[in-house]
Amino acid sequence: MDINAHTQFCGVIGNPVEHSLSPAIHNAAFQKLGLNFVYLAFRVEAIGDAIKGLRTLGNFRGASVTIPHKVASVPFLDSVEPTARHIGAINTIVAAGGILKGYNTDATGALRALRESSVALKGRQVVMIGSGGAARAIAFGLGSEPGIDRLTILGIDGQECTALARDLQSKTGMSVQDLPLDEGTLRRLLPNAHVLIHCTPMGMSPKVHETSVPATVLHAGLTVMDIVYNPRDTRLLKEAKAAGCRVIPGIEMFLHQAAAQFELWTNQAAPTDVMRAVLESHFS
């Protein structure tokens, strides 16, 4: 695809961005569909100035927003969709007709990853480990799903965990409890749980031997989703697979949040097969 005066551009805004896989994924998708788009990486320190500058560029179509700007970027946008507003953070900007709107496709990506793996949520007991930014996005995504029996959040930071549980309960009406993350709590909860979602950096490269869930509490009736995607198969996922659990690697949530962004910018279905191939080749 030739880049010309009509090329629309998207990009990732963060600091650092050198490690980002997003340019490879999105450019492969644009190329596959023959779209006159390009995706770049922007290392940004002053987020307000950056957004004001992007506003003035006619070919700007949107951006992925990553650490440390997911919360700080919100006041500089014209509007934010309801789930992202509840989360208090965005990871996507869409530019249309001079208006900048914020979305959070981390929530969308997690739900799509669960659906693609045929995981039923209605009437289910869901346990989530972690209460940080990613956990918050996924929790509000779950809160938009009708009929989850109960969400239990296990937190390392007790205050943050309780605050998230209260926020969820008040804004979504979902049945939520928060408990400390320890082996005793896991042994009590997991035998009756249907879905376990791990939302902490535990097990991420280079500390690949770490896990927050003892293998002995995992059982065949459980679906285990880990949002860590490097390595592709974390210790938690390997032990879950050995215990007979259905497993969903973090690469799936990463893929589907990117696909949701692509669709917001282009109004076309994302070629997820091409995007997945780029990710798989990186981690193989």
C-alpha atoms as a PDB file:
ATOM      1  CA  MET A   1       0.000   0.000   0.000  1.00  0.00           C
ATOM      2  CA  ASP A   2       1.473   3.380  -1.013  1.00  0.00           C
ATOM      3  CA  ILE A   3       1.428   6.074   1.647  1.00  0.00           C
ATOM      4  CA  ASN A   4       0.068   9.289   0.163  1.00  0.00           C
ATOM      5  CA  ALA A   5      -1.794  12.497   1.037  1.00  0.00           C
ATOM      6  CA  HIS A   6      -4.990  10.494   1.613  1.00  0.00           C
ATOM      7  CA  THR A   7      -3.461   7.945   4.015  1.00  0.00           C
ATOM      8  CA  GLN A   8      -5.247   7.929   7.370  1.00  0.00           C
ATOM      9  CA  PHE A   9      -3.114   7.253  10.401  1.00  0.00           C
ATOM     10  CA  CYS A  10      -3.539   5.635  13.789  1.00  0.00           C
ATOM     11  CA  GLY A  11      -0.932   4.991  16.438  1.00  0.00           C
ATOM     12  CA  VAL A  12      -0.074   3.879  19.924  1.00  0.00           C
ATOM     13  CA  ILE A  13       0.463   6.640  22.509  1.00  0.00           C
ATOM     14  CA  GLY A  14       2.472   5.685  25.580  1.00  0.00           C
ATOM     15  CA  ASN A  15       5.814   5.821  27.332  1.00  0.00           C
ATOM     16  CA  PRO A  16       7.645   3.598  26.574  1.00  0.00           C
ATOM     17  CA  VAL A  17       6.278   2.279  23.261  1.00  0.00           C
ATOM     18  CA  GLU A  18       9.396   0.693  21.755  1.00  0.00           C
ATOM     19  CA  HIS A  19       8.264  -2.805  22.819  1.00  0.00           C
ATOM     20  CA  SER A  20       4.736  -2.462  21.386  1.00  0.00           C
ATOM     21  CA  LEU A  21       3.437  -5.184  19.059  1.00  0.00           C
ATOM     22  CA  SER A  22       0.517  -2.990  17.971  1.00  0.00           C
ATOM     23  CA  PRO A  23       2.181  -1.495  14.835  1.00  0.00           C
ATOM     24  CA  ALA A  24       2.931  -4.972  13.442  1.00  0.00           C
ATOM     25  CA  ILE A  25      -0.578  -6.263  14.192  1.00  0.00           C
ATOM     26  CA  HIS A  26      -2.547  -3.294  12.847  1.00  0.00           C
ATOM     27  CA  ASN A  27      -0.410  -2.662   9.765  1.00  0.00           C
ATOM     28  CA  ALA A  28      -0.752  -6.343   8.783  1.00  0.00           C
ATOM     29  CA  ALA A  29      -4.544  -6.005   9.168  1.00  0.00           C
ATOM     30  CA  PHE A  30      -4.712  -2.764   7.123  1.00  0.00           C
ATOM     31  CA  GLN A  31      -2.625  -4.403   4.390  1.00  0.00           C
ATOM     32  CA  LYS A  32      -4.808  -7.529   4.337  1.00  0.00           C
ATOM     33  CA  LEU A  33      -7.960  -5.444   3.706  1.00  0.00           C
ATOM     34  CA  GLY A  34      -6.208  -3.062   1.287  1.00  0.00           C
ATOM     35  CA  LEU A  35      -6.999  -0.015   3.454  1.00  0.00           C
ATOM     36  CA  ASN A  36      -5.125   3.252   2.989  1.00  0.00           C
ATOM     37  CA  PHE A  37      -4.166   3.396   6.675  1.00  0.00           C
ATOM     38  CA  VAL A  38      -0.877   3.314   8.545  1.00  0.00           C
ATOM     39  CA  TYR A  39      -0.200   2.695  12.265  1.00  0.00           C
ATOM     40  CA  LEU A  40       2.747   4.303  14.086  1.00  0.00           C
ATOM     41  CA  ALA A  41       4.218   4.321  17.592  1.00  0.00           C
ATOM     42  CA  PHE A  42       4.339   7.664  19.446  1.00  0.00           C
ATOM     43  CA  ARG A  43       6.403   8.019  22.606  1.00  0.00           C
ATOM     44  CA  VAL A  44       4.487  10.711  24.518  1.00  0.00           C
ATOM     45  CA  GLU A  45       5.225  12.423  27.830  1.00  0.00           C
ATOM     46  CA  ALA A  46       2.747  15.342  27.827  1.00  0.00           C
ATOM     47  CA  ILE A  47      -0.531  13.632  26.975  1.00  0.00           C
ATOM     48  CA  GLY A  48      -2.658  16.813  26.875  1.00  0.00           C
ATOM     49  CA  ASP A  49      -0.341  18.499  24.390  1.00  0.00           C
ATOM     50  CA  ALA A  50      -0.209  15.348  22.252  1.00  0.00           C
ATOM     51  CA  ILE A  51      -4.010  15.045  22.026  1.00  0.00           C
ATOM     52  CA  LYS A  52      -4.383  18.763  21.230  1.00  0.00           C
ATOM     53  CA  GLY A  53      -1.842  18.326  18.422  1.00  0.00           C
ATOM     54  CA  LEU A  54      -3.533  15.205  17.005  1.00  0.00           C
ATOM     55  CA  ARG A  55      -6.859  17.076  16.967  1.00  0.00           C
ATOM     56  CA  THR A  56      -5.483  19.476  14.360  1.00  0.00           C
ATOM     57  CA  LEU A  57      -4.385  16.737  11.931  1.00  0.00           C
ATOM     58  CA  GLY A  58      -7.053  15.952   9.325  1.00  0.00           C
ATOM     59  CA  ASN A  59      -5.828  12.426   8.566  1.00  0.00           C
ATOM     60  CA  PHE A  60      -5.797  11.291  12.209  1.00  0.00           C
ATOM     61  CA  ARG A  61      -8.297   8.426  12.687  1.00  0.00           C
ATOM     62  CA  GLY A  62      -7.522   7.157  16.181  1.00  0.00           C
ATOM     63  CA  ALA A  63      -5.075   5.829  18.718  1.00  0.00           C
ATOM     64  CA  SER A  64      -4.347   3.056  21.147  1.00  0.00           C
ATOM     65  CA  VAL A  65      -3.557   4.561  24.551  1.00  0.00           C
ATOM     66  CA  THR A  66      -1.264   2.670  26.875  1.00  0.00           C
ATOM     67  CA  ILE A  67       0.681   3.133  30.121  1.00  0.00           C
ATOM     68  CA  PRO A  68       0.936   5.724  31.670  1.00  0.00           C
ATOM     69  CA  HIS A  69      -1.823   7.679  29.840  1.00  0.00           C
ATOM     70  CA  LYS A  70      -4.990   5.553  30.144  1.00  0.00           C
ATOM     71  CA  VAL A  71      -6.473   7.703  32.937  1.00  0.00           C
ATOM     72  CA  ALA A  72      -4.708  11.009  32.228  1.00  0.00           C
ATOM     73  CA  SER A  73      -6.014  11.205  28.642  1.00  0.00           C
ATOM     74  CA  VAL A  74      -9.722  11.157  29.629  1.00  0.00           C
ATOM     75  CA  PRO A  75     -10.172  14.923  30.376  1.00  0.00           C
ATOM     76  CA  PHE A  76      -8.800  15.860  26.931  1.00  0.00           C
ATOM     77  CA  LEU A  77     -11.512  13.966  25.002  1.00  0.00           C
ATOM     78  CA  ASP A  78     -14.944  15.193  23.899  1.00  0.00           C
ATOM     79  CA  SER A  79     -16.787  12.127  25.178  1.00  0.00           C
ATOM     80  CA  VAL A  80     -16.207   8.681  26.689  1.00  0.00           C
ATOM     81  CA  GLU A  81     -18.454   5.656  26.194  1.00  0.00           C
ATOM     82  CA  PRO A  82     -20.281   4.440  29.346  1.00  0.00           C
ATOM     83  CA  THR A  83     -18.206   1.337  30.224  1.00  0.00           C
ATOM     84  CA  ALA A  84     -14.950   3.285  29.828  1.00  0.00           C
ATOM     85  CA  ARG A  85     -16.440   6.063  31.982  1.00  0.00           C
ATOM     86  CA  HIS A  86     -17.207   3.563  34.752  1.00  0.00           C
ATOM     87  CA  ILE A  87     -13.709   2.104  34.453  1.00  0.00           C
ATOM     88  CA  GLY A  88     -12.230   5.611  34.636  1.00  0.00           C
ATOM     89  CA  ALA A  89      -9.689   4.804  31.924  1.00  0.00           C
ATOM     90  CA  ILE A  90      -9.562   4.434  28.148  1.00  0.00           C
ATOM     91  CA  ASN A  91      -7.254   2.504  25.841  1.00  0.00           C
ATOM     92  CA  THR A  92      -8.690   3.743  22.523  1.00  0.00           C
ATOM     93  CA  ILE A  93      -9.394   7.118  20.902  1.00  0.00           C
ATOM     94  CA  VAL A  94     -11.592   7.376  17.807  1.00  0.00           C
ATOM     95  CA  ALA A  95     -11.523  10.596  15.749  1.00  0.00           C
ATOM     96  CA  ALA A  96     -14.556  11.370  13.593  1.00  0.00           C
ATOM     97  CA  GLY A  97     -15.681  14.740  12.271  1.00  0.00           C
ATOM     98  CA  GLY A  98     -13.328  16.599  14.586  1.00  0.00           C
ATOM     99  CA  ILE A  99     -14.723  14.826  17.678  1.00  0.00           C
ATOM    100  CA  LEU A 100     -12.507  12.606  19.847  1.00  0.00           C
ATOM    101  CA  LYS A 101     -14.269   9.779  21.700  1.00  0.00           C
ATOM    102  CA  GLY A 102     -12.735   7.395  24.248  1.00  0.00           C
ATOM    103  CA  TYR A 103     -13.362   3.649  24.536  1.00  0.00           C
ATOM    104  CA  ASN A 104     -11.931   0.806  26.602  1.00  0.00           C
ATOM    105  CA  THR A 105     -11.476  -2.298  24.469  1.00  0.00           C
ATOM    106  CA  ASP A 106      -9.677  -4.170  27.279  1.00  0.00           C
ATOM    107  CA  ALA A 107     -13.194  -4.903  28.576  1.00  0.00           C
ATOM    108  CA  THR A 108     -14.430  -5.846  25.080  1.00  0.00           C
ATOM    109  CA  GLY A 109     -11.338  -7.951  24.395  1.00  0.00           C
ATOM    110  CA  ALA A 110     -11.702 -10.013  27.568  1.00  0.00           C
ATOM    111  CA  LEU A 111     -15.377 -10.750  26.871  1.00  0.00           C
ATOM    112  CA  ARG A 112     -14.674 -11.659  23.234  1.00  0.00           C
ATOM    113  CA  ALA A 113     -11.863 -13.996  24.337  1.00  0.00           C
ATOM    114  CA  LEU A 114     -14.275 -15.760  26.720  1.00  0.00           C
ATOM    115  CA  ARG A 115     -17.020 -15.964  24.067  1.00  0.00           C
ATOM    116  CA  GLU A 116     -14.625 -17.261  21.377  1.00  0.00           C
ATOM    117  CA  SER A 117     -13.716 -20.080  23.788  1.00  0.00           C
ATOM    118  CA  SER A 118     -17.452 -20.837  24.274  1.00  0.00           C
ATOM    119  CA  VAL A 119     -17.390 -19.910  27.964  1.00  0.00           C
ATOM    120  CA  ALA A 120     -20.888 -19.394  29.388  1.00  0.00           C
ATOM    121  CA  LEU A 121     -21.083 -16.654  32.032  1.00  0.00           C
ATOM    122  CA  LYS A 122     -24.790 -16.674  32.877  1.00  0.00           C
ATOM    123  CA  GLY A 123     -25.421 -18.214  36.296  1.00  0.00           C
ATOM    124  CA  ARG A 124     -21.681 -18.773  36.812  1.00  0.00           C
ATOM    125  CA  GLN A 125     -19.367 -18.046  39.716  1.00  0.00           C
ATOM    126  CA  VAL A 126     -16.395 -16.012  38.481  1.00  0.00           C
ATOM    127  CA  VAL A 127     -13.221 -15.453  40.502  1.00  0.00           C
ATOM    128  CA  MET A 128     -10.829 -12.668  39.483  1.00  0.00           C
ATOM    129  CA  ILE A 129      -7.313 -12.230  40.873  1.00  0.00           C
ATOM    130  CA  GLY A 130      -6.099  -8.633  40.974  1.00  0.00           C
ATOM    131  CA  SER A 131      -7.708  -5.205  41.291  1.00  0.00           C
ATOM    132  CA  GLY A 132      -5.482  -2.916  39.178  1.00  0.00           C
ATOM    133  CA  GLY A 133      -6.265  -1.218  35.867  1.00  0.00           C
ATOM    134  CA  ALA A 134      -6.683  -4.348  33.733  1.00  0.00           C
ATOM    135  CA  ALA A 135      -8.748  -6.074  36.434  1.00  0.00           C
ATOM    136  CA  ARG A 136     -10.955  -3.000  36.705  1.00  0.00           C
ATOM    137  CA  ALA A 137     -11.584  -2.959  32.936  1.00  0.00           C
ATOM    138  CA  ILE A 138     -12.412  -6.671  32.825  1.00  0.00           C
ATOM    139  CA  ALA A 139     -14.627  -6.442  35.924  1.00  0.00           C
ATOM    140  CA  PHE A 140     -16.752  -3.676  34.383  1.00  0.00           C
ATOM    141  CA  GLY A 141     -16.890  -5.674  31.153  1.00  0.00           C
ATOM    142  CA  LEU A 142     -18.257  -8.598  33.176  1.00  0.00           C
ATOM    143  CA  GLY A 143     -20.657  -6.187  34.897  1.00  0.00           C
ATOM    144  CA  SER A 144     -22.199  -5.382  31.507  1.00  0.00           C
ATOM    145  CA  GLU A 145     -23.002  -9.092  30.980  1.00  0.00           C
ATOM    146  CA  PRO A 146     -26.425 -10.158  32.258  1.00  0.00           C
ATOM    147  CA  GLY A 147     -26.831 -12.922  34.805  1.00  0.00           C
ATOM    148  CA  ILE A 148     -23.375 -13.692  36.227  1.00  0.00           C
ATOM    149  CA  ASP A 149     -24.157 -15.352  39.570  1.00  0.00           C
ATOM    150  CA  ARG A 150     -21.330 -13.735  41.488  1.00  0.00           C
ATOM    151  CA  LEU A 151     -17.942 -12.118  40.921  1.00  0.00           C
ATOM    152  CA  THR A 152     -15.348 -12.572  43.661  1.00  0.00           C
ATOM    153  CA  ILE A 153     -12.279 -10.332  43.506  1.00  0.00           C
ATOM    154  CA  LEU A 154      -9.153 -11.543  45.275  1.00  0.00           C
ATOM    155  CA  GLY A 155      -6.769  -8.661  45.861  1.00  0.00           C
ATOM    156  CA  ILE A 156      -3.204  -8.143  46.995  1.00  0.00           C
ATOM    157  CA  ASP A 157      -4.059  -4.513  47.837  1.00  0.00           C
ATOM    158  CA  GLY A 158      -7.044  -4.788  50.217  1.00  0.00           C
ATOM    159  CA  GLN A 159      -8.170  -1.147  49.965  1.00  0.00           C
ATOM    160  CA  GLU A 160      -8.015  -1.081  46.156  1.00  0.00           C
ATOM    161  CA  CYS A 161      -9.877  -4.398  45.997  1.00  0.00           C
ATOM    162  CA  THR A 162     -12.677  -3.232  48.319  1.00  0.00           C
ATOM    163  CA  ALA A 163     -13.002   0.061  46.425  1.00  0.00           C
ATOM    164  CA  LEU A 164     -13.356  -1.805  43.115  1.00  0.00           C
ATOM    165  CA  ALA A 165     -15.973  -4.187  44.549  1.00  0.00           C
ATOM    166  CA  ARG A 166     -18.064  -1.282  45.932  1.00  0.00           C
ATOM    167  CA  ASP A 167     -17.758   0.656  42.684  1.00  0.00           C
ATOM    168  CA  LEU A 168     -18.884  -2.357  40.647  1.00  0.00           C
ATOM    169  CA  GLN A 169     -21.808  -3.103  42.940  1.00  0.00           C
ATOM    170  CA  SER A 170     -23.074   0.483  42.826  1.00  0.00           C
ATOM    171  CA  LYS A 171     -22.615   1.047  39.073  1.00  0.00           C
ATOM    172  CA  THR A 172     -23.655  -2.358  37.684  1.00  0.00           C
ATOM    173  CA  GLY A 173     -25.809  -3.965  40.394  1.00  0.00           C
ATOM    174  CA  MET A 174     -23.680  -7.099  40.035  1.00  0.00           C
ATOM    175  CA  SER A 175     -23.222  -9.379  43.060  1.00  0.00           C
ATOM    176  CA  VAL A 176     -19.583  -8.781  44.079  1.00  0.00           C
ATOM    177  CA  GLN A 177     -17.466  -9.789  47.048  1.00  0.00           C
ATOM    178  CA  ASP A 178     -13.834  -8.991  47.760  1.00  0.00           C
ATOM    179  CA  LEU A 179     -11.464 -11.186  49.735  1.00  0.00           C
ATOM    180  CA  PRO A 180      -7.722 -11.326  50.379  1.00  0.00           C
ATOM    181  CA  LEU A 181      -5.652 -13.433  47.983  1.00  0.00           C
ATOM    182  CA  ASP A 182      -4.244 -16.360  49.932  1.00  0.00           C
ATOM    183  CA  GLU A 183      -4.153 -20.131  49.635  1.00  0.00           C
ATOM    184  CA  GLY A 184      -6.918 -20.642  52.201  1.00  0.00           C
ATOM    185  CA  THR A 185      -9.326 -18.402  50.269  1.00  0.00           C
ATOM    186  CA  LEU A 186      -8.462 -20.143  46.971  1.00  0.00           C
ATOM    187  CA  ARG A 187      -9.052 -23.582  48.524  1.00  0.00           C
ATOM    188  CA  ARG A 188     -12.435 -22.444  49.809  1.00  0.00           C
ATOM    189  CA  LEU A 189     -13.604 -20.691  46.625  1.00  0.00           C
ATOM    190  CA  LEU A 190     -12.260 -22.551  43.606  1.00  0.00           C
ATOM    191  CA  PRO A 191     -14.049 -25.920  44.042  1.00  0.00           C
ATOM    192  CA  ASN A 192     -17.373 -24.107  43.330  1.00  0.00           C
ATOM    193  CA  ALA A 193     -16.027 -21.612  40.788  1.00  0.00           C
ATOM    194  CA  HIS A 194     -16.568 -21.941  37.016  1.00  0.00           C
ATOM    195  CA  VAL A 195     -14.221 -19.233  35.675  1.00  0.00           C
ATOM    196  CA  LEU A 196     -10.899 -17.943  37.043  1.00  0.00           C
ATOM    197  CA  ILE A 197      -9.415 -14.781  35.503  1.00  0.00           C
ATOM    198  CA  HIS A 198      -5.862 -13.861  36.486  1.00  0.00           C
ATOM    199  CA  CYS A 199      -5.170 -10.112  36.153  1.00  0.00           C
ATOM    200  CA  THR A 200      -1.785  -9.506  37.808  1.00  0.00           C
ATOM    201  CA  PRO A 201       1.744  -9.459  36.283  1.00  0.00           C
ATOM    202  CA  MET A 202       2.624 -12.665  38.202  1.00  0.00           C
ATOM    203  CA  GLY A 203       4.260 -15.160  35.834  1.00  0.00           C
ATOM    204  CA  MET A 204       5.207 -12.518  33.242  1.00  0.00           C
ATOM    205  CA  SER A 205       8.645 -12.756  31.612  1.00  0.00           C
ATOM    206  CA  PRO A 206      11.289 -12.800  33.053  1.00  0.00           C
ATOM    207  CA  LYS A 207       9.661 -14.225  36.244  1.00  0.00           C
ATOM    208  CA  VAL A 208       8.100 -17.135  34.372  1.00  0.00           C
ATOM    209  CA  HIS A 209       8.233 -19.577  37.307  1.00  0.00           C
ATOM    210  CA  GLU A 210       5.858 -17.553  39.488  1.00  0.00           C
ATOM    211  CA  THR A 211       2.158 -18.246  39.997  1.00  0.00           C
ATOM    212  CA  SER A 212      -0.451 -16.965  42.444  1.00  0.00           C
ATOM    213  CA  VAL A 213      -2.560 -20.149  42.268  1.00  0.00           C
ATOM    214  CA  PRO A 214      -1.306 -23.478  43.694  1.00  0.00           C
ATOM    215  CA  ALA A 215      -1.756 -26.289  41.158  1.00  0.00           C
ATOM    216  CA  THR A 216      -3.585 -28.400  43.770  1.00  0.00           C
ATOM    217  CA  VAL A 217      -6.643 -26.067  43.796  1.00  0.00           C
ATOM    218  CA  LEU A 218      -7.235 -26.313  40.034  1.00  0.00           C
ATOM    219  CA  HIS A 219      -9.910 -28.732  38.780  1.00  0.00           C
ATOM    220  CA  ALA A 220     -11.346 -29.942  35.476  1.00  0.00           C
ATOM    221  CA  GLY A 221     -14.609 -27.965  35.811  1.00  0.00           C
ATOM    222  CA  LEU A 222     -12.745 -24.643  35.751  1.00  0.00           C
ATOM    223  CA  THR A 223     -11.942 -22.303  32.844  1.00  0.00           C
ATOM    224  CA  VAL A 224      -8.696 -20.410  33.513  1.00  0.00           C
ATOM    225  CA  MET A 225      -7.896 -17.192  31.667  1.00  0.00           C
ATOM    226  CA  ASP A 226      -4.533 -15.474  32.219  1.00  0.00           C
ATOM    227  CA  ILE A 227      -4.117 -11.952  30.836  1.00  0.00           C
ATOM    228  CA  VAL A 228      -0.297 -12.281  30.872  1.00  0.00           C
ATOM    229  CA  TYR A 229       0.712 -12.910  27.244  1.00  0.00           C
ATOM    230  CA  ASN A 230       4.506 -13.114  27.546  1.00  0.00           C
ATOM    231  CA  PRO A 231       5.183 -16.020  27.821  1.00  0.00           C
ATOM    232  CA  ARG A 232       2.248 -17.361  25.828  1.00  0.00           C
ATOM    233  CA  ASP A 233       1.872 -20.350  28.178  1.00  0.00           C
ATOM    234  CA  THR A 234       2.382 -19.119  31.721  1.00  0.00           C
ATOM    235  CA  ARG A 235       3.037 -21.471  34.611  1.00  0.00           C
ATOM    236  CA  LEU A 236      -0.600 -20.958  35.687  1.00  0.00           C
ATOM    237  CA  LEU A 237      -1.883 -22.033  32.249  1.00  0.00           C
ATOM    238  CA  LYS A 238       0.450 -25.052  32.044  1.00  0.00           C
ATOM    239  CA  GLU A 239      -0.686 -26.271  35.470  1.00  0.00           C
ATOM    240  CA  ALA A 240      -4.340 -25.541  34.621  1.00  0.00           C
ATOM    241  CA  LYS A 241      -4.045 -27.567  31.407  1.00  0.00           C
ATOM    242  CA  ALA A 242      -2.472 -30.449  33.362  1.00  0.00           C
ATOM    243  CA  ALA A 243      -5.423 -30.322  35.795  1.00  0.00           C
ATOM    244  CA  GLY A 244      -7.905 -30.668  32.900  1.00  0.00           C
ATOM    245  CA  CYS A 245      -9.064 -27.030  32.903  1.00  0.00           C
ATOM    246  CA  ARG A 246     -10.094 -25.202  29.755  1.00  0.00           C
ATOM    247  CA  VAL A 247      -7.420 -22.482  29.308  1.00  0.00           C
ATOM    248  CA  ILE A 248      -7.471 -19.086  27.570  1.00  0.00           C
ATOM    249  CA  PRO A 249      -4.020 -17.510  27.066  1.00  0.00           C
ATOM    250  CA  GLY A 250      -3.472 -13.761  27.401  1.00  0.00           C
ATOM    251  CA  ILE A 251      -2.699 -13.532  23.692  1.00  0.00           C
ATOM    252  CA  GLU A 252      -6.461 -13.988  23.071  1.00  0.00           C
ATOM    253  CA  MET A 253      -7.498 -10.934  25.093  1.00  0.00           C
ATOM    254  CA  PHE A 254      -4.663  -8.935  23.516  1.00  0.00           C
ATOM    255  CA  LEU A 255      -5.812 -10.000  20.040  1.00  0.00           C
ATOM    256  CA  HIS A 256      -9.489  -9.224  20.615  1.00  0.00           C
ATOM    257  CA  GLN A 257      -8.911  -5.816  22.222  1.00  0.00           C
ATOM    258  CA  ALA A 258      -6.796  -4.911  19.158  1.00  0.00           C
ATOM    259  CA  ALA A 259      -9.482  -6.257  16.800  1.00  0.00           C
ATOM    260  CA  ALA A 260     -12.119  -4.133  18.564  1.00  0.00           C
ATOM    261  CA  GLN A 261      -9.899  -1.049  18.084  1.00  0.00           C
ATOM    262  CA  PHE A 262      -9.405  -1.851  14.397  1.00  0.00           C
ATOM    263  CA  GLU A 263     -13.179  -2.090  13.923  1.00  0.00           C
ATOM    264  CA  LEU A 264     -13.797   1.240  15.677  1.00  0.00           C
ATOM    265  CA  TRP A 265     -11.302   3.011  13.377  1.00  0.00           C
ATOM    266  CA  THR A 266     -12.209   1.357  10.071  1.00  0.00           C
ATOM    267  CA  ASN A 267     -15.873   0.289  10.492  1.00  0.00           C
ATOM    268  CA  GLN A 268     -14.826  -3.063   9.015  1.00  0.00           C
ATOM    269  CA  ALA A 269     -14.553  -6.550  10.556  1.00  0.00           C
ATOM    270  CA  ALA A 270     -10.998  -7.152  11.732  1.00  0.00           C
ATOM    271  CA  PRO A 271      -9.030  -9.937   9.986  1.00  0.00           C
ATOM    272  CA  THR A 272      -8.305 -11.692  13.302  1.00  0.00           C
ATOM    273  CA  ASP A 273      -6.591 -14.632  11.555  1.00  0.00           C
ATOM    274  CA  VAL A 274      -3.902 -12.284  10.181  1.00  0.00           C
ATOM    275  CA  MET A 275      -3.569 -10.443  13.500  1.00  0.00           C
ATOM    276  CA  ARG A 276      -3.286 -13.741  15.410  1.00  0.00           C
ATOM    277  CA  ALA A 277      -0.596 -14.996  12.995  1.00  0.00           C
ATOM    278  CA  VAL A 278       1.523 -11.890  13.716  1.00  0.00           C
ATOM    279  CA  LEU A 279       1.210 -12.479  17.476  1.00  0.00           C
ATOM    280  CA  GLU A 280       1.863 -16.216  17.228  1.00  0.00           C
ATOM    281  CA  SER A 281       4.982 -15.665  15.122  1.00  0.00           C
ATOM    282  CA  HIS A 282       6.315 -13.185  17.682  1.00  0.00           C
ATOM    283  CA  PHE A 283       5.877 -15.587  20.617  1.00  0.00           C
ATOM    284  CA  SER A 284       6.724 -18.862  18.869  1.00  0.00           C
END
